[in-house]
């Protein structure tokens, strides 16, 4: 409960403070976006490389494993 309250307070402060919001956006652009783009490309490669007629669940399993790898 304590951790939940702390995270909630931090999120509210981040949303209300323009300086912190700018820092969060900068952090997201420099650290998070490259990872998201790399993971997206990996999943797209798995889906595009699947043979036609392959069961969708099998392709989804491969995509999830590739997503969680690293």
Protein backbone atom coordinates (compact mmCIF):
# COMPACT_ATOMS: atom_id res chain seq x y z
CA UNK A 1 0.00 0.00 0.00
CA UNK A 2 2.84 2.36 0.87
CA UNK A 3 4.63 1.75 -2.43
CA UNK A 4 1.39 2.28 -4.34
CA UNK A 5 0.88 5.64 -2.63
CA UNK A 6 4.46 6.69 -3.32
CA UNK A 7 4.18 5.78 -6.99
CA UNK A 8 0.87 7.64 -7.22
CA UNK A 9 2.33 10.75 -5.64
CA UNK A 10 5.35 10.62 -7.95
CA UNK A 11 3.11 10.26 -10.99
CA UNK A 12 0.96 13.21 -9.92
CA UNK A 13 4.04 15.35 -9.32
CA UNK A 14 5.51 14.34 -12.65
CA UNK A 15 2.30 15.22 -14.45
CA UNK A 16 1.96 18.61 -12.78
CA UNK A 17 5.56 19.88 -12.89
CA UNK A 18 6.65 21.14 -16.35
CA UNK A 19 10.38 20.67 -15.60
CA UNK A 20 9.92 17.07 -14.50
CA UNK A 21 7.62 16.40 -17.45
CA UNK A 22 10.32 17.65 -19.85
CA UNK A 23 12.93 15.45 -18.16
CA UNK A 24 10.64 12.43 -18.40
CA UNK A 25 10.05 13.07 -22.11
CA UNK A 26 13.79 13.40 -22.70
CA UNK A 27 14.45 10.17 -20.82
CA UNK A 28 11.77 8.36 -22.80
CA UNK A 29 13.20 9.56 -26.11
CA UNK A 30 16.80 8.66 -25.30
CA UNK A 31 16.37 5.42 -23.34
CA UNK A 32 12.96 3.87 -23.87
CA UNK A 33 12.24 4.55 -27.54
CA UNK A 34 15.33 2.76 -28.92
CA UNK A 35 14.39 -0.36 -26.96
CA UNK A 36 10.77 -0.19 -28.12
CA UNK A 37 11.82 0.26 -31.74
CA UNK A 38 14.27 -2.66 -31.55
CA UNK A 39 11.69 -4.97 -29.97
CA UNK A 40 9.03 -3.92 -32.49
CA UNK A 41 11.37 -4.73 -35.38
CA UNK A 42 12.16 -8.15 -33.89
CA UNK A 43 8.48 -9.05 -33.53
CA UNK A 44 7.69 -7.81 -37.05
CA UNK A 45 10.50 -10.00 -38.41
CA UNK A 46 9.03 -13.05 -36.70
CA UNK A 47 5.55 -12.36 -38.03
CA UNK A 48 6.72 -11.61 -41.56
CA UNK A 49 8.91 -14.71 -41.62
CA UNK A 50 6.09 -17.06 -40.68
CA UNK A 51 5.03 -19.55 -43.31
CA UNK A 52 1.48 -19.15 -44.60
CA UNK A 53 -0.75 -21.70 -42.94
CA UNK A 54 1.20 -21.70 -39.66
CA UNK A 55 -1.11 -21.74 -36.68
CA UNK A 56 -1.47 -18.18 -35.32
CA UNK A 57 -0.83 -19.28 -31.73
CA UNK A 58 2.53 -20.75 -32.74
CA UNK A 59 3.52 -17.48 -34.43
CA UNK A 60 2.33 -15.49 -31.42
CA UNK A 61 4.40 -17.72 -29.10
CA UNK A 62 7.51 -17.15 -31.19
CA UNK A 63 6.84 -13.41 -31.24
CA UNK A 64 6.40 -13.26 -27.46
CA UNK A 65 9.58 -15.27 -26.87
CA UNK A 66 11.47 -12.92 -29.19
CA UNK A 67 9.94 -9.91 -27.43
CA UNK A 68 10.99 -11.09 -24.00
CA UNK A 69 14.47 -12.15 -25.11
CA UNK A 70 17.36 -9.97 -23.86
